[in-house]
Amino acid sequence: MNIGLFFGSFNPVHVGHLIIANHMASYTDLDKVWLMVSPHNPLKDKNALINMYDRLEMARLAVEESINISVSDAEFKLPQPSYTIDTLTHLRERYPEHNFSLIMGADNLASLKRWKNHEILLRDYKIFVYPRPGFDNLELIDHPSVTLTQTPLMELSSTFIRRAIKEGKSVRFMVPDPVIRFIEAKNLYG
């Protein structure tokens, strides 16, 4: 099976993430997309993250009715911070029957050369890239492993969602209802 790995903090998960995941599962040769909840992205501030288990649960709630999108906590069992190459090595050993590809935004492709063992990622994995505002002329876009998709451009961010919640503004239709209920019940981001 061809599995697309969509890594993220999902702090919180929102409809932008879900639209991208669904597009990749529906309009590429991927059979499924796994939302890979990252305990700590080495390029992000760990102090801005809420508990990883709350982020995992929100992601699960967001995709509970999906047949081609699921959630993985594989990085929870690995040393932190999480490096994509280490996670892929772990997954290949655990699931040798699957072919794994990466899903990333154009902003991440722009910084890929800063990633641990980026040459191996480019050599051994297909990378499906979705557009991001302001990232049009990318050095690696013509690499044979890279596929630029026609995913709808998403300008919604978890940072915007967190700020809106903190300010007491509605995030309805931007965040799935079960996730909103979870955030409210646990008083997250307030």
Protein backbone atom coordinates (compact mmCIF):
# COMPACT_ATOMS: atom_id res chain seq x y z
CA MET A 1 0.00 0.00 0.00
CA ASN A 2 1.20 3.54 -0.78
CA ILE A 3 1.08 5.60 2.41
CA GLY A 4 1.59 9.36 2.47
CA LEU A 5 3.02 10.67 5.72
CA PHE A 6 1.78 14.15 6.64
CA PHE A 7 3.91 15.27 9.59
CA GLY A 8 2.84 18.09 11.84
CA SER A 9 2.38 19.39 15.35
CA PHE A 10 -1.38 19.66 14.70
CA ASN A 11 -1.57 22.26 17.46
CA PRO A 12 -4.55 22.08 16.83
CA VAL A 13 -5.58 20.16 13.75
CA HIS A 14 -7.83 22.26 11.48
CA VAL A 15 -9.74 21.94 8.20
CA GLY A 16 -6.71 23.12 6.22
CA HIS A 17 -4.81 20.01 7.35
CA LEU A 18 -7.80 17.82 6.51
CA ILE A 19 -8.31 19.33 3.04
CA ILE A 20 -4.63 18.76 2.23
CA ALA A 21 -4.71 15.16 3.56
CA ASN A 22 -7.92 14.38 1.67
CA HIS A 23 -6.56 15.90 -1.53
CA MET A 24 -3.41 13.78 -1.28
CA ALA A 25 -5.42 10.60 -0.60
CA SER A 26 -7.86 11.32 -3.42
CA TYR A 27 -5.86 12.98 -6.21
CA THR A 28 -2.44 11.29 -6.08
CA ASP A 29 -1.35 7.65 -6.27
CA LEU A 30 -1.43 7.42 -2.47
CA ASP A 31 -3.85 4.87 -1.01
CA LYS A 32 -3.92 6.38 2.47
CA VAL A 33 -2.59 9.37 4.37
CA TRP A 34 -1.34 9.09 7.93
CA LEU A 35 -1.33 12.26 10.03
CA MET A 36 1.99 11.90 11.85
CA VAL A 37 1.60 13.82 15.11
CA SER A 38 5.07 15.09 16.03
CA PRO A 39 5.82 15.43 19.74
CA HIS A 40 8.50 18.03 18.95
CA ASN A 41 9.59 19.33 15.55
CA PRO A 42 13.30 20.26 15.94
CA LEU A 43 12.69 23.45 13.93
CA LYS A 44 9.88 24.69 16.22
CA ASP A 45 9.65 26.02 19.77
CA LYS A 46 8.60 23.17 22.08
CA ASN A 47 7.17 25.62 24.64
CA ALA A 48 4.40 26.66 22.20
CA LEU A 49 3.03 23.10 22.08
CA ILE A 50 0.27 21.69 24.24
CA ASN A 51 0.46 18.10 25.51
CA MET A 52 1.21 15.67 22.67
CA TYR A 53 -1.54 13.28 23.77
CA ASP A 54 -4.14 16.07 23.52
CA ARG A 55 -2.89 16.89 20.01
CA LEU A 56 -3.04 13.20 19.11
CA GLU A 57 -6.61 12.90 20.40
CA MET A 58 -7.72 16.00 18.48
CA ALA A 59 -6.25 14.55 15.27
CA ARG A 60 -8.06 11.26 15.91
CA LEU A 61 -11.34 13.07 16.52
CA ALA A 62 -10.88 15.03 13.30
CA VAL A 63 -10.52 11.93 11.10
CA GLU A 64 -12.63 9.38 12.97
CA GLU A 65 -15.09 9.08 10.06
CA SER A 66 -12.48 8.98 7.29
CA ILE A 67 -11.60 5.79 5.47
CA ASN A 68 -8.40 6.96 3.81
CA ILE A 69 -6.92 9.23 6.50
CA SER A 70 -5.72 7.97 9.86
CA VAL A 71 -3.48 9.13 12.70
CA SER A 72 -0.14 7.77 13.86
CA ASP A 73 1.69 8.18 17.16
CA ALA A 74 4.82 6.46 15.83
CA GLU A 75 7.03 9.41 16.77
CA PHE A 76 5.87 9.23 20.41
CA LYS A 77 7.98 6.08 20.82
CA LEU A 78 11.13 7.57 19.26
CA PRO A 79 13.77 9.90 20.73
CA GLN A 80 12.86 13.59 20.71
CA PRO A 81 13.12 15.86 18.91
CA SER A 82 11.75 13.85 16.01
CA TYR A 83 13.76 13.64 12.82
CA THR A 84 11.84 12.54 9.73
CA ILE A 85 14.59 10.22 8.51
CA ASP A 86 14.59 8.33 11.84
CA THR A 87 10.81 7.99 11.77
CA LEU A 88 10.92 6.66 8.21
CA THR A 89 13.58 4.10 9.15
CA HIS A 90 11.39 2.97 12.06
CA LEU A 91 8.27 2.73 9.87
CA ARG A 92 10.04 0.80 7.11
CA GLU A 93 11.21 -1.76 9.67
CA ARG A 94 7.77 -2.01 11.28
CA TYR A 95 5.70 -2.00 8.05
CA PRO A 96 7.88 -3.51 5.29
CA GLU A 97 4.75 -4.17 3.20
CA HIS A 98 4.08 -0.43 2.71
CA ASN A 99 5.70 2.20 0.49
CA PHE A 100 6.02 5.50 2.31
CA SER A 101 6.04 8.96 0.77
CA LEU A 102 6.30 12.38 2.37
CA ILE A 103 3.69 15.12 2.19
CA MET A 104 4.95 18.62 2.88
CA GLY A 105 4.22 22.24 2.16
CA ALA A 106 6.34 24.25 -0.22
CA ASP A 107 7.67 26.12 2.84
CA ASN A 108 9.14 22.86 4.14
CA LEU A 109 10.58 21.95 0.75
CA ALA A 110 12.33 25.34 0.79
CA SER A 111 14.06 24.38 4.07
CA LEU A 112 14.60 20.67 3.28
CA LYS A 113 18.37 21.08 2.94
CA ARG A 114 18.46 21.91 6.67
CA TRP A 115 16.83 18.55 7.57
CA LYS A 116 18.84 15.64 8.91
CA ASN A 117 19.93 13.37 6.01
CA HIS A 118 17.88 15.31 3.46
CA GLU A 119 19.86 13.66 0.64
CA ILE A 120 18.53 10.24 1.69
CA LEU A 121 14.98 11.60 1.83
CA LEU A 122 15.34 12.88 -1.74
CA ARG A 123 17.00 9.67 -2.91
CA ASP A 124 14.67 7.11 -1.31
CA TYR A 125 11.22 8.71 -0.99
CA LYS A 126 8.63 10.41 -3.15
CA ILE A 127 7.73 13.84 -1.84
CA PHE A 128 4.30 15.31 -2.55
CA VAL A 129 4.35 19.08 -2.12
CA TYR A 130 1.32 21.30 -1.59
CA PRO A 131 1.50 25.04 -2.37
CA ARG A 132 2.08 27.64 0.33
CA PRO A 133 1.77 31.42 -0.06
CA GLY A 134 5.08 33.07 -0.93
CA PHE A 135 6.92 29.87 -1.89
CA ASP A 136 6.81 29.72 -5.68
CA ASN A 137 10.40 29.52 -6.95
CA LEU A 138 11.77 26.50 -5.16
CA GLU A 139 15.23 25.11 -5.79
CA LEU A 140 14.17 21.45 -5.37
CA ILE A 141 10.86 21.62 -7.24
CA ASP A 142 12.35 19.94 -10.35
CA HIS A 143 13.97 17.11 -8.38
CA PRO A 144 12.78 13.72 -9.74
CA SER A 145 11.44 12.69 -6.30
CA VAL A 146 9.34 15.83 -5.90
CA THR A 147 5.76 16.19 -7.18
CA LEU A 148 4.07 19.57 -6.91
CA THR A 149 0.35 18.92 -6.41
CA GLN A 150 -2.64 21.07 -7.28
CA THR A 151 -3.85 21.01 -3.67
CA PRO A 152 -6.03 24.03 -2.84
CA LEU A 153 -3.95 26.83 -1.35
CA MET A 154 -4.54 26.93 2.40
CA GLU A 155 -3.73 30.07 4.33
CA LEU A 156 -5.31 28.88 7.58
CA SER A 157 -2.81 28.14 10.34
CA SER A 158 -2.82 26.61 13.80
CA THR A 159 -1.26 29.85 15.06
CA PHE A 160 -4.29 31.78 13.80
CA ILE A 161 -6.64 29.23 15.43
CA ARG A 162 -4.84 29.41 18.79
CA ARG A 163 -4.92 33.21 18.74
CA ALA A 164 -8.63 33.27 17.87
CA ILE A 165 -9.46 30.87 20.71
CA LYS A 166 -7.38 32.91 23.16
CA GLU A 167 -9.30 36.03 22.10
CA GLY A 168 -12.64 34.26 22.53
CA LYS A 169 -13.47 34.30 18.82
CA SER A 170 -15.31 31.54 16.97
CA VAL A 171 -13.30 28.94 15.06
CA ARG A 172 -16.40 27.14 13.82
CA PHE A 173 -15.98 25.71 10.31
CA MET A 174 -12.19 26.15 10.66
CA VAL A 175 -11.85 23.32 13.18
CA PRO A 176 -13.98 20.14 13.13
CA ASP A 177 -16.81 20.23 15.70
CA PRO A 178 -15.53 17.24 17.76
CA VAL A 179 -12.16 19.00 18.05
CA ILE A 180 -13.83 22.25 19.16
CA ARG A 181 -15.74 20.33 21.84
CA PHE A 182 -12.50 18.71 23.01
CA ILE A 183 -10.71 22.08 23.16
CA GLU A 184 -13.58 23.63 25.12
CA ALA A 185 -13.89 20.66 27.52
CA LYS A 186 -10.17 20.81 28.36
CA ASN A 187 -9.97 24.62 28.20
CA LEU A 188 -7.05 24.46 25.75
CA TYR A 189 -5.45 27.56 24.23
CA GLY A 190 -7.51 29.87 26.47
